[in-house]
Amino acid sequence: MNVNRCINTGIGRGKPFLNPTRSIEVRSEIDSIIDQQIDEWKASVPGADHHERKNAFNMPYYQRSLAETALRIRLLRVVESKALVEIAKKSPEAAQIWADYERDEMLHDEMFIQDLEKSGFSRERFMEIEPTLSTKMLVGFFSYLLDHEGPLGVVAYSYLVEYVNVKLEPEKLEGLKAILGEELIAGQVAHAHTDVNHDHPTMVWSCLRYLISDQADIEKLKIYLREFQQILSMFFVEMNKEFDVDLAAEQAA
């Protein structure tokens, strides 16, 4: 009896569970959930509106945030590269899209380091910074997902980030431009242009569409969005404690 033991090849897959029409419907539902999370974020996460505090702008706080963004990109590109292996086992089409997306994002840490240096924070000082515990937990959560739940959650994180970036970055950059000047935020502006011009939200959603195999995956996607919001908010709690900043009081002043 011949037995083919070869699995996880992406061969023999059928049509995506989400046809083009259903994909648009589900994406719209997910976008509405993220919009609600954005409102909750603005109302409950102190420090998320730091770019609006022209009269109470905290440069060390801003520099540490920039550094953490660069560190997070550096750490996540490792685990997101591992995700490509798991995605390829399920869907070569999704893997191709994910590879293109990762190619776009792979070196974007330098854009944030560029702005960090322009703010007076040297690359040598940046190299001495250890990631926050919340960033380590985020990276660790990615590893857990890949080992025990599959790549859907990892890709869901990128959809959340890209959707929020495209929607909120223009306002954030205008605020920083008014405080710091355009030259000091050139790297962040270039990063935002890539997200918008390459339509990263649609690119990542196209990858998700190939990975969603049933209704249960749609429900998992909603749970991932909520869990990532909780982990990301931890960063601001750490930041406010590290810098001993009472942002609510500063805003009131």
Foldseek 3Di string as FASTA:
>chain_A
DDDDPDALQQPPDDDFPQDPVNLVVLVVVVLVLLVVLVVVCVVPFFPPVLLQQLVDRDLVLVLVVLLLVLVLLQLLLVLLVVLLSLLNSNHVVLSVLSVVVSVLSNPLSVLSVQLSVVSVHDPVNSVVDDHDPLSVVVSVVSVVCCVPPGSLLVLLVQLSVLSCLLVCVVVSVVSNCVRPNCVSNVSVVVVSCSSVVVVSNVSSSVSNSSVDRDVVSSVVSSVSSVVVSVSVSVVSVVSCVVVVDPSVVSVVD
